[in-house]
Amino acid sequence: MSACQAELAEKEFHVRAIDQDGNVLIDETIATLRNGFFELWLPRNRRIELRIQGLNRKAKGTIETSDDSKTCITTFRLR
């Protein structure tokens, strides 16, 4: 059995998710879990710009929520 462990456990980040139509889906502070990850529940079939801010750093990128989209994304880098 294996488990993933991220570097920033139990830290708070401001997360903003906006879909392709300009709808704000998430705009709140979210804490990472003990494993260092956080979960987002997003509507299907959307292209979403995701912005993450915390620890004086930012990450930004686009994700999609189609049937064949990845459900675990670990490529956002805080800079």
N, C-alpha and C. Protein backbone atom coordinates (compact mmCIF):
# COMPACT_ATOMS: atom_id res chain seq x y z
N MET A 1 0.84 -1.17 0.00
CA MET A 1 0.00 0.00 0.00
C MET A 1 0.89 1.24 0.00
N SER A 2 0.48 2.24 -0.75
CA SER A 2 1.24 3.48 -0.77
C SER A 2 0.30 4.66 -0.60
N ALA A 3 0.85 5.78 -0.27
CA ALA A 3 0.06 6.99 -0.10
C ALA A 3 0.89 8.18 -0.57
N CYS A 4 0.22 9.17 -1.09
CA CYS A 4 0.91 10.39 -1.52
C CYS A 4 0.98 11.36 -0.35
N GLN A 5 2.09 12.05 -0.26
CA GLN A 5 2.27 13.06 0.77
C GLN A 5 2.83 14.31 0.10
N ALA A 6 2.11 15.41 0.17
CA ALA A 6 2.57 16.67 -0.38
C ALA A 6 3.35 17.43 0.69
N GLU A 7 3.98 18.50 0.27
CA GLU A 7 4.89 19.23 1.16
C GLU A 7 4.20 20.20 2.12
N LEU A 8 3.03 20.68 1.78
CA LEU A 8 2.41 21.76 2.56
C LEU A 8 1.15 21.29 3.28
N ALA A 9 1.33 20.48 4.29
CA ALA A 9 0.21 19.95 5.06
C ALA A 9 -0.39 21.01 5.98
N GLU A 10 -1.71 21.03 6.02
CA GLU A 10 -2.48 21.88 6.92
C GLU A 10 -2.10 23.36 6.80
N LYS A 11 -2.03 23.83 5.58
CA LYS A 11 -1.76 25.25 5.30
C LYS A 11 -2.98 25.84 4.60
N GLU A 12 -3.21 27.14 4.80
CA GLU A 12 -4.35 27.80 4.18
C GLU A 12 -3.96 28.52 2.90
N PHE A 13 -4.85 28.38 1.90
CA PHE A 13 -4.67 29.03 0.60
C PHE A 13 -5.98 29.64 0.16
N HIS A 14 -5.87 30.77 -0.52
CA HIS A 14 -7.06 31.34 -1.14
C HIS A 14 -7.17 30.72 -2.52
N VAL A 15 -8.34 30.15 -2.81
CA VAL A 15 -8.57 29.47 -4.08
C VAL A 15 -9.72 30.16 -4.80
N ARG A 16 -9.47 30.46 -6.07
CA ARG A 16 -10.50 31.09 -6.92
C ARG A 16 -10.60 30.28 -8.20
N ALA A 17 -11.81 29.83 -8.53
CA ALA A 17 -12.06 29.06 -9.74
C ALA A 17 -13.14 29.77 -10.56
N ILE A 18 -12.83 30.04 -11.82
CA ILE A 18 -13.75 30.75 -12.71
C ILE A 18 -13.91 29.92 -13.98
N ASP A 19 -15.16 29.64 -14.38
CA ASP A 19 -15.36 28.83 -15.57
C ASP A 19 -15.29 29.67 -16.85
N GLN A 20 -15.41 29.00 -17.98
CA GLN A 20 -15.25 29.64 -19.28
C GLN A 20 -16.30 30.71 -19.55
N ASP A 21 -17.40 30.70 -18.81
CA ASP A 21 -18.45 31.72 -18.97
C ASP A 21 -18.30 32.87 -18.00
N GLY A 22 -17.24 32.86 -17.18
CA GLY A 22 -17.01 33.92 -16.21
C GLY A 22 -17.68 33.70 -14.88
N ASN A 23 -18.30 32.55 -14.67
CA ASN A 23 -18.95 32.24 -13.40
C ASN A 23 -17.90 31.90 -12.34
N VAL A 24 -17.99 32.57 -11.19
CA VAL A 24 -17.08 32.27 -10.09
C VAL A 24 -17.63 31.04 -9.36
N LEU A 25 -16.88 29.97 -9.42
CA LEU A 25 -17.31 28.71 -8.81
C LEU A 25 -16.82 28.58 -7.38
N ILE A 26 -15.62 29.06 -7.13
CA ILE A 26 -15.03 29.03 -5.79
C ILE A 26 -14.25 30.32 -5.60
N ASP A 27 -14.39 30.92 -4.44
CA ASP A 27 -13.62 32.11 -4.06
C ASP A 27 -13.55 32.12 -2.54
N GLU A 28 -12.66 31.29 -2.02
CA GLU A 28 -12.61 31.12 -0.56
C GLU A 28 -11.25 30.61 -0.11
N THR A 29 -11.03 30.66 1.17
CA THR A 29 -9.83 30.10 1.77
C THR A 29 -10.07 28.64 2.06
N ILE A 30 -9.11 27.82 1.63
CA ILE A 30 -9.21 26.38 1.80
C ILE A 30 -7.91 25.89 2.44
N ALA A 31 -8.02 25.03 3.42
CA ALA A 31 -6.84 24.46 4.08
C ALA A 31 -6.50 23.12 3.45
N THR A 32 -5.22 22.89 3.28
CA THR A 32 -4.80 21.57 2.81
C THR A 32 -5.03 20.55 3.92
N LEU A 33 -5.21 19.32 3.52
CA LEU A 33 -5.42 18.24 4.47
C LEU A 33 -4.08 17.82 5.09
N ARG A 34 -4.11 16.87 5.98
CA ARG A 34 -2.87 16.39 6.61
C ARG A 34 -1.89 15.82 5.60
N ASN A 35 -2.40 15.36 4.46
CA ASN A 35 -1.52 14.81 3.43
C ASN A 35 -0.97 15.92 2.49
N GLY A 36 -1.37 17.18 2.74
CA GLY A 36 -0.86 18.29 1.96
C GLY A 36 -1.66 18.64 0.72
N PHE A 37 -2.70 17.91 0.42
CA PHE A 37 -3.54 18.17 -0.75
C PHE A 37 -4.85 18.80 -0.30
N PHE A 38 -5.56 19.44 -1.24
CA PHE A 38 -6.93 19.85 -0.96
C PHE A 38 -7.82 19.36 -2.08
N GLU A 39 -9.09 19.22 -1.77
CA GLU A 39 -10.06 18.70 -2.73
C GLU A 39 -10.99 19.81 -3.18
N LEU A 40 -11.31 19.80 -4.46
CA LEU A 40 -12.29 20.73 -5.01
C LEU A 40 -13.36 19.92 -5.74
N TRP A 41 -14.60 20.25 -5.51
CA TRP A 41 -15.69 19.64 -6.26
C TRP A 41 -16.16 20.68 -7.26
N LEU A 42 -16.00 20.37 -8.54
CA LEU A 42 -16.30 21.31 -9.61
C LEU A 42 -17.31 20.70 -10.58
N PRO A 43 -18.13 21.54 -11.23
CA PRO A 43 -19.11 21.01 -12.18
C PRO A 43 -18.45 20.38 -13.41
N ARG A 44 -19.14 19.41 -13.97
CA ARG A 44 -18.64 18.71 -15.16
C ARG A 44 -18.68 19.59 -16.41
N ASN A 45 -17.85 19.19 -17.35
CA ASN A 45 -17.84 19.79 -18.69
C ASN A 45 -17.59 21.29 -18.68
N ARG A 46 -16.61 21.69 -17.90
CA ARG A 46 -16.22 23.10 -17.84
C ARG A 46 -14.73 23.24 -18.05
N ARG A 47 -14.34 24.36 -18.57
CA ARG A 47 -12.93 24.76 -18.63
C ARG A 47 -12.79 25.81 -17.53
N ILE A 48 -11.90 25.59 -16.58
CA ILE A 48 -11.85 26.41 -15.37
C ILE A 48 -10.45 26.97 -15.16
N GLU A 49 -10.41 28.29 -14.97
CA GLU A 49 -9.15 28.93 -14.58
C GLU A 49 -9.07 28.86 -13.06
N LEU A 50 -7.98 28.32 -12.58
CA LEU A 50 -7.79 28.11 -11.15
C LEU A 50 -6.62 28.98 -10.69
N ARG A 51 -6.86 29.77 -9.64
CA ARG A 51 -5.81 30.61 -9.04
C ARG A 51 -5.69 30.23 -7.57
N ILE A 52 -4.46 30.01 -7.15
CA ILE A 52 -4.18 29.60 -5.77
C ILE A 52 -3.15 30.57 -5.20
N GLN A 53 -3.43 31.14 -4.02
CA GLN A 53 -2.51 32.07 -3.38
C GLN A 53 -2.32 31.68 -1.93
N GLY A 54 -1.07 31.76 -1.48
CA GLY A 54 -0.77 31.50 -0.08
C GLY A 54 0.72 31.46 0.14
N LEU A 55 1.12 31.70 1.37
CA LEU A 55 2.54 31.68 1.75
C LEU A 55 3.35 32.65 0.88
N ASN A 56 2.73 33.79 0.54
CA ASN A 56 3.35 34.82 -0.30
C ASN A 56 3.73 34.32 -1.69
N ARG A 57 2.98 33.35 -2.19
CA ARG A 57 3.23 32.79 -3.51
C ARG A 57 1.91 32.57 -4.24
N LYS A 58 2.00 32.38 -5.56
CA LYS A 58 0.81 32.18 -6.38
C LYS A 58 1.02 31.07 -7.39
N ALA A 59 -0.09 30.44 -7.77
CA ALA A 59 -0.10 29.48 -8.87
C ALA A 59 -1.36 29.74 -9.69
N LYS A 60 -1.26 29.54 -10.99
CA LYS A 60 -2.39 29.79 -11.87
C LYS A 60 -2.34 28.80 -13.02
N GLY A 61 -3.50 28.32 -13.42
CA GLY A 61 -3.57 27.40 -14.54
C GLY A 61 -5.00 27.11 -14.92
N THR A 62 -5.16 26.34 -15.97
CA THR A 62 -6.47 25.97 -16.46
C THR A 62 -6.64 24.46 -16.36
N ILE A 63 -7.81 24.06 -15.89
CA ILE A 63 -8.15 22.64 -15.83
C ILE A 63 -9.48 22.43 -16.55
N GLU A 64 -9.75 21.20 -16.92
CA GLU A 64 -11.03 20.86 -17.55
C GLU A 64 -11.68 19.73 -16.76
N THR A 65 -13.01 19.71 -16.79
CA THR A 65 -13.75 18.71 -16.02
C THR A 65 -14.63 17.85 -16.92
N SER A 66 -14.07 17.40 -18.03
CA SER A 66 -14.81 16.50 -18.91
C SER A 66 -14.67 15.07 -18.41
N ASP A 67 -15.38 14.15 -19.04
CA ASP A 67 -15.36 12.75 -18.61
C ASP A 67 -13.96 12.14 -18.62
N ASP A 68 -13.09 12.59 -19.53
CA ASP A 68 -11.75 12.01 -19.61
C ASP A 68 -10.67 12.86 -18.95
N SER A 69 -11.08 13.85 -18.15
CA SER A 69 -10.12 14.71 -17.45
C SER A 69 -9.49 13.99 -16.27
N LYS A 70 -8.28 14.40 -15.94
CA LYS A 70 -7.62 13.87 -14.75
C LYS A 70 -8.36 14.33 -13.50
N THR A 71 -8.38 13.48 -12.49
CA THR A 71 -9.05 13.83 -11.24
C THR A 71 -8.07 14.19 -10.14
N CYS A 72 -6.80 13.97 -10.37
CA CYS A 72 -5.77 14.33 -9.40
C CYS A 72 -4.72 15.15 -10.14
N ILE A 73 -4.65 16.42 -9.84
CA ILE A 73 -3.74 17.32 -10.54
C ILE A 73 -2.67 17.79 -9.56
N THR A 74 -1.43 17.55 -9.90
CA THR A 74 -0.32 17.89 -9.00
C THR A 74 0.70 18.77 -9.68
N THR A 75 0.30 19.46 -10.75
CA THR A 75 1.26 20.23 -11.54
C THR A 75 1.28 21.73 -11.22
N PHE A 76 0.41 22.21 -10.36
CA PHE A 76 0.42 23.63 -10.02
C PHE A 76 1.61 23.90 -9.10
N ARG A 77 2.42 24.89 -9.46
CA ARG A 77 3.61 25.23 -8.68
C ARG A 77 3.47 26.64 -8.12
N LEU A 78 3.62 26.77 -6.82
CA LEU A 78 3.61 28.09 -6.19
C LEU A 78 4.91 28.79 -6.47
N ARG A 79 4.82 30.02 -6.94
CA ARG A 79 6.04 30.81 -7.25
C ARG A 79 5.94 32.17 -6.63
